[in-house]
Amino acid sequence: MLPIYLKDQEFSPPDDPLYYLLTKDGLFLVKSTPFFAAAVPVKGIPWLEAQEAEVRLTAPPLPADLLLQALAFFRAVFSRYKSEAVALLAWREATRTYELVIPHQTVGGGHCDYEIKDFPAGIIRLGTIHSHAAVEAFHSERDENDERYEDGFHLTLGNIDGGLTLSCSVVVQGLRAQIPPEHLFAPYPIPWDQAPPEEDWAKEVEEKVTPLPRPIEFGT
């Protein structure tokens, strides 16, 4: 087996004629002969075991009731403004439970911008749940850009006025992977018919949701 060196600030090239060098730019095979010295990028170390990118859920499953609460909030926003909306997914350390946090947001049609603030001590932000209103659930290019550097779960609920659709993903270090909802929620299938009435969220909509200003219409 060839030796492996880390190229940190104190690195000094060794006398080995052939070795691996791990750098911030990746892994290199360094080879020295009487005629040349070269560093060649390589994809891996052949005697090690293979490893693919993966994500495994190690926390308790998300309660389906949390998603039903989010659905009720999204329906309340949709009924009033015919728009998308967002809720933040959080974890309360003291009780080891998941909960929703509704941020102040500005909405209109397929648009939803929300305020990003630090969470209180003891509450960890875990991701987002947002609605696509009457459109099918998927992660749009804008969603992916917004969520690229936010590690956590990012869920989209679509067709909230009819046959519901759900898309689940996780983002880690800028990489996104889809997660089957049955691996994320309990119980599953989601009992959509048990969603609370949207009226339960009327106060949150009144206090936290602001519609976009109506466009100015010019006469013809």
N, C-alpha and C. Protein backbone atom coordinates (compact mmCIF):
# COMPACT_ATOMS: atom_id res chain seq x y z
N MET A 1 0.84 -1.21 0.00
CA MET A 1 0.00 0.00 0.00
C MET A 1 0.87 1.25 0.00
N LEU A 2 0.42 2.24 -0.72
CA LEU A 2 1.16 3.49 -0.80
C LEU A 2 0.83 4.38 0.39
N PRO A 3 1.78 5.18 0.84
CA PRO A 3 1.49 6.12 1.93
C PRO A 3 0.55 7.23 1.46
N ILE A 4 -0.18 7.80 2.42
CA ILE A 4 -1.11 8.89 2.15
C ILE A 4 -0.72 10.08 3.03
N TYR A 5 -0.56 11.23 2.42
CA TYR A 5 -0.19 12.44 3.15
C TYR A 5 -1.28 13.50 2.99
N LEU A 6 -1.41 14.35 4.03
CA LEU A 6 -2.31 15.50 3.99
C LEU A 6 -1.50 16.74 3.69
N LYS A 7 -1.97 17.53 2.74
CA LYS A 7 -1.26 18.75 2.39
C LYS A 7 -1.82 19.92 3.20
N ASP A 8 -1.29 20.08 4.41
CA ASP A 8 -1.66 21.23 5.23
C ASP A 8 -0.54 22.26 5.14
N GLN A 9 -0.61 23.28 5.99
CA GLN A 9 0.37 24.36 5.92
C GLN A 9 1.78 23.89 6.27
N GLU A 10 1.88 22.80 7.00
CA GLU A 10 3.19 22.30 7.43
C GLU A 10 3.70 21.18 6.53
N PHE A 11 3.00 20.89 5.45
CA PHE A 11 3.40 19.79 4.57
C PHE A 11 4.73 20.09 3.87
N SER A 12 5.58 19.06 3.84
CA SER A 12 6.84 19.11 3.10
C SER A 12 6.92 17.84 2.26
N PRO A 13 7.20 17.94 0.99
CA PRO A 13 7.22 16.74 0.15
C PRO A 13 8.16 15.67 0.71
N PRO A 14 7.66 14.45 0.85
CA PRO A 14 8.50 13.37 1.38
C PRO A 14 9.43 12.82 0.30
N ASP A 15 10.28 11.88 0.70
CA ASP A 15 11.21 11.27 -0.24
C ASP A 15 10.59 10.10 -1.00
N ASP A 16 9.36 9.70 -0.62
CA ASP A 16 8.71 8.57 -1.29
C ASP A 16 8.60 8.85 -2.79
N PRO A 17 8.96 7.89 -3.63
CA PRO A 17 8.84 8.10 -5.07
C PRO A 17 7.41 8.03 -5.57
N LEU A 18 6.50 7.46 -4.76
CA LEU A 18 5.10 7.31 -5.16
C LEU A 18 4.22 7.37 -3.92
N TYR A 19 3.29 8.29 -3.87
CA TYR A 19 2.42 8.41 -2.70
C TYR A 19 1.15 9.16 -3.09
N TYR A 20 0.13 9.03 -2.21
CA TYR A 20 -1.12 9.78 -2.39
C TYR A 20 -1.03 11.06 -1.58
N LEU A 21 -1.61 12.13 -2.13
CA LEU A 21 -1.63 13.42 -1.46
C LEU A 21 -3.06 13.94 -1.44
N LEU A 22 -3.61 14.12 -0.23
CA LEU A 22 -4.97 14.62 -0.07
C LEU A 22 -4.91 16.12 0.16
N THR A 23 -5.56 16.89 -0.72
CA THR A 23 -5.50 18.35 -0.68
C THR A 23 -6.91 18.93 -0.68
N LYS A 24 -6.99 20.25 -0.57
CA LYS A 24 -8.32 20.87 -0.62
C LYS A 24 -8.93 20.77 -2.02
N ASP A 25 -8.11 20.45 -3.01
CA ASP A 25 -8.61 20.29 -4.38
C ASP A 25 -8.88 18.83 -4.73
N GLY A 26 -8.74 17.93 -3.76
CA GLY A 26 -9.01 16.53 -4.03
C GLY A 26 -7.79 15.64 -3.78
N LEU A 27 -7.88 14.42 -4.28
CA LEU A 27 -6.84 13.42 -4.07
C LEU A 27 -5.93 13.33 -5.30
N PHE A 28 -4.62 13.27 -5.06
CA PHE A 28 -3.64 13.19 -6.14
C PHE A 28 -2.69 12.02 -5.90
N LEU A 29 -2.22 11.44 -6.98
CA LEU A 29 -1.13 10.47 -6.94
C LEU A 29 0.13 11.23 -7.35
N VAL A 30 1.13 11.25 -6.46
CA VAL A 30 2.37 11.97 -6.72
C VAL A 30 3.45 10.94 -7.08
N LYS A 31 4.08 11.17 -8.22
CA LYS A 31 5.07 10.22 -8.73
C LYS A 31 6.34 10.97 -9.11
N SER A 32 7.48 10.46 -8.63
CA SER A 32 8.77 11.07 -8.94
C SER A 32 9.67 10.05 -9.61
N THR A 33 10.33 10.44 -10.67
CA THR A 33 11.29 9.60 -11.38
C THR A 33 12.56 10.43 -11.55
N PRO A 34 13.62 9.82 -12.07
CA PRO A 34 14.83 10.62 -12.33
C PRO A 34 14.62 11.71 -13.37
N PHE A 35 13.48 11.66 -14.10
CA PHE A 35 13.28 12.58 -15.21
C PHE A 35 12.14 13.58 -14.99
N PHE A 36 11.19 13.27 -14.08
CA PHE A 36 10.09 14.19 -13.84
C PHE A 36 9.46 13.91 -12.47
N ALA A 37 8.71 14.89 -12.01
CA ALA A 37 7.88 14.74 -10.82
C ALA A 37 6.49 15.24 -11.19
N ALA A 38 5.45 14.47 -10.87
CA ALA A 38 4.10 14.82 -11.30
C ALA A 38 3.10 14.54 -10.18
N ALA A 39 2.04 15.33 -10.15
CA ALA A 39 0.89 15.11 -9.27
C ALA A 39 -0.32 14.96 -10.17
N VAL A 40 -0.93 13.77 -10.15
CA VAL A 40 -2.01 13.43 -11.07
C VAL A 40 -3.30 13.21 -10.27
N PRO A 41 -4.40 13.91 -10.63
CA PRO A 41 -5.65 13.68 -9.87
C PRO A 41 -6.16 12.26 -10.07
N VAL A 42 -6.64 11.68 -8.97
CA VAL A 42 -7.22 10.32 -9.00
C VAL A 42 -8.56 10.35 -8.29
N LYS A 43 -9.42 9.37 -8.60
CA LYS A 43 -10.78 9.34 -8.06
C LYS A 43 -10.88 8.63 -6.72
N GLY A 44 -9.92 7.78 -6.40
CA GLY A 44 -10.04 7.05 -5.15
C GLY A 44 -8.79 6.24 -4.89
N ILE A 45 -8.77 5.54 -3.76
CA ILE A 45 -7.65 4.69 -3.37
C ILE A 45 -8.10 3.25 -3.57
N PRO A 46 -7.47 2.52 -4.44
CA PRO A 46 -8.02 1.23 -4.90
C PRO A 46 -8.18 0.16 -3.84
N TRP A 47 -7.41 0.17 -2.76
CA TRP A 47 -7.54 -0.90 -1.78
C TRP A 47 -8.57 -0.59 -0.69
N LEU A 48 -9.20 0.59 -0.76
CA LEU A 48 -10.24 0.93 0.20
C LEU A 48 -11.60 0.49 -0.33
N GLU A 49 -12.57 0.39 0.58
CA GLU A 49 -13.94 0.04 0.20
C GLU A 49 -14.64 1.23 -0.44
N ALA A 50 -15.58 0.95 -1.33
CA ALA A 50 -16.32 2.00 -2.01
C ALA A 50 -17.33 2.66 -1.06
N GLN A 51 -17.67 3.90 -1.35
CA GLN A 51 -18.68 4.62 -0.57
C GLN A 51 -19.45 5.55 -1.50
N GLU A 52 -20.78 5.41 -1.49
CA GLU A 52 -21.64 6.31 -2.25
C GLU A 52 -22.21 7.37 -1.32
N ALA A 53 -22.63 8.48 -1.91
CA ALA A 53 -23.31 9.51 -1.12
C ALA A 53 -24.61 8.93 -0.57
N GLU A 54 -24.90 9.19 0.70
CA GLU A 54 -26.12 8.66 1.30
C GLU A 54 -26.57 9.54 2.45
N VAL A 55 -27.84 9.42 2.79
CA VAL A 55 -28.40 10.09 3.96
C VAL A 55 -29.28 9.09 4.68
N ARG A 56 -29.06 8.92 5.97
CA ARG A 56 -29.88 8.02 6.78
C ARG A 56 -30.53 8.83 7.91
N LEU A 57 -31.83 8.65 8.08
CA LEU A 57 -32.54 9.35 9.15
C LEU A 57 -32.23 8.67 10.48
N THR A 58 -31.60 9.39 11.40
CA THR A 58 -31.25 8.83 12.71
C THR A 58 -32.13 9.38 13.83
N ALA A 59 -32.90 10.41 13.53
CA ALA A 59 -33.83 10.99 14.51
C ALA A 59 -35.17 10.27 14.42
N PRO A 60 -36.06 10.51 15.36
CA PRO A 60 -37.40 9.92 15.26
C PRO A 60 -38.09 10.38 13.98
N PRO A 61 -39.01 9.58 13.44
CA PRO A 61 -39.75 10.00 12.24
C PRO A 61 -40.53 11.29 12.50
N LEU A 62 -40.75 12.04 11.44
CA LEU A 62 -41.60 13.22 11.57
C LEU A 62 -43.04 12.78 11.77
N PRO A 63 -43.75 13.36 12.74
CA PRO A 63 -45.16 12.99 12.93
C PRO A 63 -46.02 13.49 11.79
N ALA A 64 -46.87 12.63 11.27
CA ALA A 64 -47.76 13.03 10.18
C ALA A 64 -48.63 14.21 10.59
N ASP A 65 -48.95 14.32 11.88
CA ASP A 65 -49.77 15.43 12.36
C ASP A 65 -49.13 16.78 12.06
N LEU A 66 -47.79 16.83 12.08
CA LEU A 66 -47.10 18.08 11.78
C LEU A 66 -47.38 18.52 10.35
N LEU A 67 -47.37 17.56 9.45
CA LEU A 67 -47.66 17.87 8.05
C LEU A 67 -49.11 18.29 7.87
N LEU A 68 -50.01 17.68 8.64
CA LEU A 68 -51.42 18.05 8.56
C LEU A 68 -51.65 19.46 9.08
N GLN A 69 -50.91 19.84 10.12
CA GLN A 69 -51.01 21.22 10.61
C GLN A 69 -50.51 22.20 9.56
N ALA A 70 -49.40 21.86 8.90
CA ALA A 70 -48.88 22.72 7.84
C ALA A 70 -49.89 22.84 6.71
N LEU A 71 -50.54 21.74 6.37
CA LEU A 71 -51.55 21.75 5.31
C LEU A 71 -52.69 22.70 5.66
N ALA A 72 -53.14 22.67 6.91
CA ALA A 72 -54.23 23.56 7.33
C ALA A 72 -53.81 25.02 7.19
N PHE A 73 -52.57 25.33 7.58
CA PHE A 73 -52.06 26.70 7.44
C PHE A 73 -52.00 27.10 5.96
N PHE A 74 -51.48 26.20 5.13
CA PHE A 74 -51.36 26.52 3.70
C PHE A 74 -52.74 26.73 3.07
N ARG A 75 -53.72 25.95 3.49
CA ARG A 75 -55.07 26.12 2.95
C ARG A 75 -55.66 27.45 3.39
N ALA A 76 -55.35 27.85 4.62
CA ALA A 76 -55.86 29.14 5.10
C ALA A 76 -55.27 30.29 4.28
N VAL A 77 -53.97 30.21 3.97
CA VAL A 77 -53.34 31.24 3.14
C VAL A 77 -53.91 31.20 1.72
N PHE A 78 -54.07 30.00 1.17
CA PHE A 78 -54.58 29.86 -0.19
C PHE A 78 -56.01 30.39 -0.31
N SER A 79 -56.84 30.13 0.69
CA SER A 79 -58.22 30.60 0.66
C SER A 79 -58.28 32.13 0.64
N ARG A 80 -57.33 32.75 1.33
CA ARG A 80 -57.36 34.19 1.45
C ARG A 80 -56.62 34.91 0.32
N TYR A 81 -55.46 34.33 -0.10
CA TYR A 81 -54.61 35.05 -1.05
C TYR A 81 -54.32 34.26 -2.34
N LYS A 82 -54.81 33.02 -2.44
CA LYS A 82 -54.56 32.19 -3.61
C LYS A 82 -53.05 32.12 -3.92
N SER A 83 -52.25 31.86 -2.88
CA SER A 83 -50.80 31.91 -3.04
C SER A 83 -50.11 30.77 -2.31
N GLU A 84 -48.83 30.69 -2.55
CA GLU A 84 -47.97 29.79 -1.81
C GLU A 84 -47.76 30.33 -0.39
N ALA A 85 -47.16 29.49 0.47
CA ALA A 85 -46.82 29.91 1.83
C ALA A 85 -45.72 28.98 2.34
N VAL A 86 -45.14 29.34 3.48
CA VAL A 86 -44.03 28.53 4.01
C VAL A 86 -44.16 28.41 5.53
N ALA A 87 -43.73 27.26 6.05
CA ALA A 87 -43.59 27.03 7.49
C ALA A 87 -42.21 26.45 7.71
N LEU A 88 -41.61 26.73 8.84
CA LEU A 88 -40.29 26.23 9.16
C LEU A 88 -40.40 25.01 10.08
N LEU A 89 -39.58 24.03 9.82
CA LEU A 89 -39.54 22.82 10.61
C LEU A 89 -38.49 22.97 11.69
N ALA A 90 -38.87 22.67 12.95
CA ALA A 90 -37.95 22.88 14.07
C ALA A 90 -37.98 21.69 15.03
N TRP A 91 -36.96 21.62 15.87
CA TRP A 91 -36.82 20.57 16.89
C TRP A 91 -36.60 21.24 18.23
N ARG A 92 -37.48 20.93 19.22
CA ARG A 92 -37.35 21.50 20.56
C ARG A 92 -36.58 20.50 21.43
N GLU A 93 -35.38 20.90 21.85
CA GLU A 93 -34.51 19.97 22.55
C GLU A 93 -35.07 19.53 23.90
N ALA A 94 -35.72 20.43 24.62
CA ALA A 94 -36.21 20.12 25.97
C ALA A 94 -37.22 18.98 25.96
N THR A 95 -38.09 18.96 24.96
CA THR A 95 -39.14 17.94 24.90
C THR A 95 -38.86 16.89 23.84
N ARG A 96 -37.78 17.10 23.05
CA ARG A 96 -37.42 16.19 21.96
C ARG A 96 -38.62 15.96 21.03
N THR A 97 -39.18 17.07 20.61
CA THR A 97 -40.34 17.02 19.71
C THR A 97 -40.14 17.97 18.55
N TYR A 98 -40.79 17.62 17.43
CA TYR A 98 -40.80 18.50 16.27
C TYR A 98 -41.92 19.52 16.42
N GLU A 99 -41.73 20.68 15.78
CA GLU A 99 -42.81 21.66 15.78
C GLU A 99 -42.68 22.57 14.57
N LEU A 100 -43.77 23.27 14.28
CA LEU A 100 -43.79 24.23 13.18
C LEU A 100 -43.56 25.63 13.72
N VAL A 101 -42.83 26.42 12.96
CA VAL A 101 -42.65 27.84 13.25
C VAL A 101 -43.10 28.60 12.01
N ILE A 102 -44.05 29.51 12.19
CA ILE A 102 -44.56 30.30 11.06
C ILE A 102 -43.81 31.63 11.03
N PRO A 103 -42.98 31.86 10.00
CA PRO A 103 -42.27 33.14 9.94
C PRO A 103 -43.14 34.22 9.30
N HIS A 104 -42.78 35.47 9.52
CA HIS A 104 -43.43 36.55 8.78
C HIS A 104 -43.07 36.39 7.31
N GLN A 105 -44.07 36.50 6.43
CA GLN A 105 -43.84 36.23 5.01
C GLN A 105 -44.71 37.11 4.14
N THR A 106 -44.21 37.35 2.94
CA THR A 106 -44.94 38.11 1.93
C THR A 106 -45.28 37.17 0.80
N VAL A 107 -46.56 37.08 0.42
CA VAL A 107 -46.99 36.07 -0.53
C VAL A 107 -47.80 36.69 -1.66
N GLY A 108 -47.83 35.96 -2.76
CA GLY A 108 -48.65 36.38 -3.89
C GLY A 108 -48.47 35.43 -5.04
N GLY A 109 -49.51 34.69 -5.40
CA GLY A 109 -49.42 33.73 -6.50
C GLY A 109 -48.36 32.68 -6.22
N GLY A 110 -47.40 32.54 -7.14
CA GLY A 110 -46.31 31.60 -6.95
C GLY A 110 -45.12 32.19 -6.23
N HIS A 111 -45.35 33.23 -5.45
CA HIS A 111 -44.27 33.96 -4.78
C HIS A 111 -44.43 33.85 -3.27
N CYS A 112 -43.31 33.63 -2.57
CA CYS A 112 -43.33 33.62 -1.11
C CYS A 112 -41.93 33.95 -0.60
N ASP A 113 -41.80 35.09 0.05
CA ASP A 113 -40.55 35.49 0.69
C ASP A 113 -40.78 35.56 2.19
N TYR A 114 -39.85 35.07 2.98
CA TYR A 114 -40.04 35.08 4.42
C TYR A 114 -38.80 35.58 5.14
N GLU A 115 -39.02 36.08 6.36
CA GLU A 115 -37.93 36.61 7.17
C GLU A 115 -37.14 35.47 7.80
N ILE A 116 -35.84 35.57 7.75
CA ILE A 116 -34.96 34.57 8.36
C ILE A 116 -34.39 35.17 9.63
N LYS A 117 -34.76 34.62 10.76
CA LYS A 117 -34.27 35.09 12.05
C LYS A 117 -33.69 33.93 12.83
N ASP A 118 -32.80 34.25 13.78
CA ASP A 118 -32.25 33.22 14.65
C ASP A 118 -33.34 32.64 15.53
N PHE A 119 -33.30 31.34 15.73
CA PHE A 119 -34.26 30.69 16.60
C PHE A 119 -33.84 30.87 18.06
N PRO A 120 -34.79 30.85 18.99
CA PRO A 120 -34.44 30.93 20.41
C PRO A 120 -33.57 29.75 20.82
N ALA A 121 -32.84 29.90 21.90
CA ALA A 121 -32.01 28.82 22.43
C ALA A 121 -32.88 27.61 22.73
N GLY A 122 -32.40 26.44 22.39
CA GLY A 122 -33.14 25.21 22.66
C GLY A 122 -34.03 24.77 21.52
N ILE A 123 -34.13 25.59 20.45
CA ILE A 123 -34.93 25.22 19.28
C ILE A 123 -34.00 25.20 18.07
N ILE A 124 -33.96 24.09 17.39
CA ILE A 124 -33.06 23.91 16.25
C ILE A 124 -33.88 23.93 14.96
N ARG A 125 -33.46 24.74 14.03
CA ARG A 125 -34.12 24.78 12.73
C ARG A 125 -33.70 23.57 11.91
N LEU A 126 -34.68 22.85 11.37
CA LEU A 126 -34.40 21.61 10.65
C LEU A 126 -34.73 21.68 9.17
N GLY A 127 -35.35 22.75 8.71
CA GLY A 127 -35.69 22.83 7.30
C GLY A 127 -36.97 23.60 7.06
N THR A 128 -37.61 23.31 5.93
CA THR A 128 -38.79 24.07 5.52
C THR A 128 -39.88 23.14 5.00
N ILE A 129 -41.10 23.61 5.10
CA ILE A 129 -42.24 23.01 4.42
C ILE A 129 -42.93 24.16 3.70
N HIS A 130 -43.10 24.06 2.40
CA HIS A 130 -43.79 25.13 1.70
C HIS A 130 -44.81 24.55 0.73
N SER A 131 -45.77 25.38 0.40
CA SER A 131 -46.83 24.92 -0.49
C SER A 131 -46.60 25.44 -1.90
N HIS A 132 -47.10 24.68 -2.86
CA HIS A 132 -47.14 25.14 -4.24
C HIS A 132 -48.58 25.51 -4.62
N ALA A 133 -49.38 25.78 -3.58
CA ALA A 133 -50.77 26.18 -3.81
C ALA A 133 -51.49 25.13 -4.65
N ALA A 134 -52.03 25.51 -5.79
CA ALA A 134 -52.81 24.58 -6.61
C ALA A 134 -51.95 23.83 -7.62
N VAL A 135 -50.63 24.00 -7.55
CA VAL A 135 -49.71 23.37 -8.50
C VAL A 135 -49.11 22.12 -7.87
N GLU A 136 -48.72 21.16 -8.71
CA GLU A 136 -48.15 19.90 -8.23
C GLU A 136 -46.88 20.15 -7.43
N ALA A 137 -46.63 19.29 -6.43
CA ALA A 137 -45.45 19.40 -5.59
C ALA A 137 -44.20 18.95 -6.33
N PHE A 138 -43.19 19.81 -6.34
CA PHE A 138 -41.86 19.48 -6.84
C PHE A 138 -40.94 20.57 -6.32
N HIS A 139 -39.64 20.37 -6.48
CA HIS A 139 -38.70 21.39 -6.03
C HIS A 139 -38.22 22.16 -7.26
N SER A 140 -38.68 23.40 -7.37
CA SER A 140 -38.36 24.22 -8.51
C SER A 140 -36.90 24.68 -8.46
N GLU A 141 -36.45 25.27 -9.54
CA GLU A 141 -35.08 25.80 -9.58
C GLU A 141 -34.89 26.86 -8.50
N ARG A 142 -35.91 27.69 -8.30
CA ARG A 142 -35.79 28.69 -7.24
C ARG A 142 -35.73 28.03 -5.87
N ASP A 143 -36.55 27.00 -5.66
CA ASP A 143 -36.51 26.28 -4.38
C ASP A 143 -35.11 25.74 -4.13
N GLU A 144 -34.54 25.11 -5.14
CA GLU A 144 -33.21 24.52 -4.99
C GLU A 144 -32.16 25.58 -4.69
N ASN A 145 -32.27 26.73 -5.34
CA ASN A 145 -31.31 27.82 -5.06
C ASN A 145 -31.50 28.35 -3.64
N ASP A 146 -32.75 28.52 -3.22
CA ASP A 146 -33.02 29.05 -1.88
C ASP A 146 -32.53 28.10 -0.79
N GLU A 147 -32.62 26.79 -1.05
CA GLU A 147 -32.34 25.79 -0.03
C GLU A 147 -30.94 25.18 -0.12
N ARG A 148 -30.16 25.63 -1.09
CA ARG A 148 -28.89 24.97 -1.40
C ARG A 148 -27.95 24.92 -0.20
N TYR A 149 -27.92 25.98 0.57
CA TYR A 149 -26.96 26.04 1.68
C TYR A 149 -27.63 25.93 3.04
N GLU A 150 -28.83 25.39 3.04
CA GLU A 150 -29.53 25.16 4.31
C GLU A 150 -29.68 23.66 4.55
N ASP A 151 -28.75 23.10 5.32
CA ASP A 151 -28.84 21.68 5.64
C ASP A 151 -30.17 21.38 6.31
N GLY A 152 -30.81 20.30 5.91
CA GLY A 152 -32.05 19.91 6.55
C GLY A 152 -33.05 19.34 5.57
N PHE A 153 -34.25 19.14 6.07
CA PHE A 153 -35.33 18.58 5.26
C PHE A 153 -36.11 19.72 4.60
N HIS A 154 -36.44 19.51 3.33
CA HIS A 154 -37.21 20.51 2.59
C HIS A 154 -38.36 19.80 1.89
N LEU A 155 -39.57 20.13 2.31
CA LEU A 155 -40.78 19.44 1.86
C LEU A 155 -41.68 20.40 1.11
N THR A 156 -42.32 19.89 0.07
CA THR A 156 -43.26 20.70 -0.71
C THR A 156 -44.60 19.99 -0.78
N LEU A 157 -45.65 20.73 -0.46
CA LEU A 157 -47.02 20.24 -0.59
C LEU A 157 -47.66 20.93 -1.79
N GLY A 158 -48.26 20.15 -2.69
CA GLY A 158 -48.90 20.72 -3.86
C GLY A 158 -50.34 20.30 -4.00
N ASN A 159 -51.05 20.94 -4.92
CA ASN A 159 -52.46 20.63 -5.19
C ASN A 159 -53.29 20.65 -3.91
N ILE A 160 -53.08 21.66 -3.08
CA ILE A 160 -53.73 21.67 -1.77
C ILE A 160 -55.23 21.93 -1.87
N ASP A 161 -55.70 22.25 -3.08
CA ASP A 161 -57.13 22.45 -3.27
C ASP A 161 -57.79 21.20 -3.84
N GLY A 162 -57.04 20.10 -3.95
CA GLY A 162 -57.62 18.89 -4.53
C GLY A 162 -56.82 17.65 -4.15
N GLY A 163 -56.39 16.89 -5.18
CA GLY A 163 -55.61 15.68 -4.92
C GLY A 163 -54.20 16.01 -4.50
N LEU A 164 -53.91 15.96 -3.22
CA LEU A 164 -52.66 16.43 -2.66
C LEU A 164 -51.46 15.68 -3.22
N THR A 165 -50.36 16.42 -3.41
CA THR A 165 -49.09 15.83 -3.80
C THR A 165 -48.03 16.28 -2.82
N LEU A 166 -46.99 15.45 -2.64
CA LEU A 166 -45.95 15.71 -1.64
C LEU A 166 -44.60 15.35 -2.22
N SER A 167 -43.63 16.22 -2.07
CA SER A 167 -42.26 15.96 -2.49
C SER A 167 -41.33 16.23 -1.31
N CYS A 168 -40.44 15.27 -1.00
CA CYS A 168 -39.57 15.37 0.17
C CYS A 168 -38.11 15.26 -0.26
N SER A 169 -37.28 16.11 0.29
CA SER A 169 -35.86 16.04 -0.02
C SER A 169 -35.05 16.45 1.20
N VAL A 170 -33.76 16.13 1.16
CA VAL A 170 -32.84 16.55 2.20
C VAL A 170 -31.64 17.19 1.52
N VAL A 171 -31.13 18.25 2.13
CA VAL A 171 -29.96 18.95 1.60
C VAL A 171 -28.85 18.89 2.63
N VAL A 172 -27.67 18.46 2.18
CA VAL A 172 -26.48 18.41 3.04
C VAL A 172 -25.29 18.93 2.24
N GLN A 173 -24.65 19.96 2.76
CA GLN A 173 -23.47 20.54 2.11
C GLN A 173 -23.72 20.91 0.65
N GLY A 174 -24.91 21.42 0.37
CA GLY A 174 -25.23 21.87 -0.97
C GLY A 174 -25.71 20.79 -1.91
N LEU A 175 -25.73 19.53 -1.46
CA LEU A 175 -26.22 18.43 -2.29
C LEU A 175 -27.61 18.03 -1.86
N ARG A 176 -28.49 17.76 -2.82
CA ARG A 176 -29.88 17.43 -2.56
C ARG A 176 -30.15 15.98 -2.94
N ALA A 177 -30.95 15.31 -2.10
CA ALA A 177 -31.39 13.95 -2.40
C ALA A 177 -32.87 13.84 -2.07
N GLN A 178 -33.61 13.14 -2.91
CA GLN A 178 -35.02 12.89 -2.66
C GLN A 178 -35.16 11.80 -1.59
N ILE A 179 -36.18 11.93 -0.73
CA ILE A 179 -36.47 10.93 0.30
C ILE A 179 -37.90 10.46 0.10
N PRO A 180 -38.13 9.17 -0.03
CA PRO A 180 -39.52 8.69 -0.09
C PRO A 180 -40.24 9.08 1.20
N PRO A 181 -41.44 9.65 1.11
CA PRO A 181 -42.13 10.11 2.33
C PRO A 181 -42.36 9.00 3.34
N GLU A 182 -42.48 7.74 2.88
CA GLU A 182 -42.68 6.65 3.84
C GLU A 182 -41.45 6.41 4.71
N HIS A 183 -40.29 6.95 4.30
CA HIS A 183 -39.08 6.84 5.12
C HIS A 183 -38.96 8.00 6.10
N LEU A 184 -39.84 8.97 5.98
CA LEU A 184 -39.71 10.20 6.76
C LEU A 184 -40.82 10.39 7.78
N PHE A 185 -42.04 9.90 7.46
CA PHE A 185 -43.21 10.18 8.30
C PHE A 185 -43.76 8.93 8.96
N ALA A 186 -44.36 9.14 10.12
CA ALA A 186 -45.13 8.10 10.80
C ALA A 186 -46.35 8.77 11.43
N PRO A 187 -47.56 8.18 11.26
CA PRO A 187 -47.79 7.00 10.43
C PRO A 187 -47.77 7.35 8.95
N TYR A 188 -47.65 6.33 8.15
CA TYR A 188 -47.73 6.48 6.70
C TYR A 188 -48.55 5.33 6.16
N PRO A 189 -49.47 5.55 5.20
CA PRO A 189 -49.75 6.78 4.46
C PRO A 189 -50.27 7.92 5.34
N ILE A 190 -50.06 9.12 4.88
CA ILE A 190 -50.51 10.31 5.62
C ILE A 190 -52.04 10.34 5.63
N PRO A 191 -52.66 10.45 6.79
CA PRO A 191 -54.13 10.53 6.84
C PRO A 191 -54.62 11.94 6.51
N TRP A 192 -54.59 12.29 5.24
CA TRP A 192 -54.90 13.65 4.83
C TRP A 192 -56.28 14.12 5.28
N ASP A 193 -57.22 13.19 5.38
CA ASP A 193 -58.58 13.58 5.76
C ASP A 193 -58.67 14.01 7.22
N GLN A 194 -57.60 13.84 7.98
CA GLN A 194 -57.60 14.25 9.38
C GLN A 194 -56.96 15.62 9.60
N ALA A 195 -56.71 16.34 8.53
CA ALA A 195 -56.14 17.68 8.66
C ALA A 195 -57.11 18.58 9.43
N PRO A 196 -56.60 19.41 10.33
CA PRO A 196 -57.49 20.30 11.08
C PRO A 196 -58.09 21.36 10.16
N PRO A 197 -59.16 22.01 10.60
CA PRO A 197 -59.78 23.05 9.75
C PRO A 197 -58.84 24.24 9.59
N GLU A 198 -58.89 24.84 8.41
CA GLU A 198 -58.00 25.96 8.14
C GLU A 198 -58.29 27.14 9.06
N GLU A 199 -59.51 27.20 9.59
CA GLU A 199 -59.86 28.31 10.50
C GLU A 199 -58.96 28.33 11.74
N ASP A 200 -58.38 27.17 12.10
CA ASP A 200 -57.49 27.12 13.26
C ASP A 200 -56.25 28.00 13.07
N TRP A 201 -55.93 28.32 11.82
CA TRP A 201 -54.72 29.09 11.53
C TRP A 201 -55.04 30.52 11.09
N ALA A 202 -56.27 30.94 11.24
CA ALA A 202 -56.67 32.28 10.78
C ALA A 202 -55.86 33.37 11.48
N LYS A 203 -55.58 33.20 12.78
CA LYS A 203 -54.84 34.22 13.52
C LYS A 203 -53.41 34.32 13.00
N GLU A 204 -52.77 33.17 12.74
CA GLU A 204 -51.41 33.19 12.22
C GLU A 204 -51.37 33.87 10.84
N VAL A 205 -52.36 33.60 10.02
CA VAL A 205 -52.40 34.22 8.70
C VAL A 205 -52.54 35.73 8.85
N GLU A 206 -53.40 36.15 9.75
CA GLU A 206 -53.64 37.58 9.97
C GLU A 206 -52.37 38.28 10.47
N GLU A 207 -51.62 37.61 11.36
CA GLU A 207 -50.47 38.25 12.01
C GLU A 207 -49.17 38.08 11.24
N LYS A 208 -49.03 36.99 10.48
CA LYS A 208 -47.72 36.66 9.90
C LYS A 208 -47.65 36.78 8.38
N VAL A 209 -48.79 36.85 7.69
CA VAL A 209 -48.78 36.79 6.23
C VAL A 209 -49.23 38.13 5.65
N THR A 210 -48.41 38.68 4.76
CA THR A 210 -48.70 39.94 4.10
C THR A 210 -48.79 39.71 2.60
N PRO A 211 -49.86 40.15 1.94
CA PRO A 211 -49.95 39.95 0.49
C PRO A 211 -49.06 40.94 -0.25
N LEU A 212 -48.58 40.52 -1.40
CA LEU A 212 -47.85 41.45 -2.26
C LEU A 212 -48.78 42.59 -2.68
N PRO A 213 -48.25 43.79 -2.86
CA PRO A 213 -49.10 44.89 -3.35
C PRO A 213 -49.67 44.55 -4.72
N ARG A 214 -50.88 44.95 -4.96
CA ARG A 214 -51.49 44.72 -6.26
C ARG A 214 -50.75 45.52 -7.32
N PRO A 215 -50.55 44.93 -8.51
CA PRO A 215 -49.87 45.68 -9.57
C PRO A 215 -50.70 46.89 -10.00
N ILE A 216 -49.99 47.91 -10.43
CA ILE A 216 -50.66 49.12 -10.91
C ILE A 216 -51.22 48.84 -12.29
N GLU A 217 -52.50 49.12 -12.48
CA GLU A 217 -53.13 48.91 -13.79
C GLU A 217 -53.31 50.25 -14.49
N PHE A 218 -52.75 50.34 -15.68
CA PHE A 218 -52.86 51.55 -16.46
C PHE A 218 -54.02 51.45 -17.43
N GLY A 219 -54.72 52.52 -17.64
CA GLY A 219 -55.82 52.53 -18.58
C GLY A 219 -55.34 52.39 -20.02
N THR A 220 -56.19 51.88 -20.87
CA THR A 220 -55.83 51.72 -22.28
C THR A 220 -56.41 52.88 -23.11
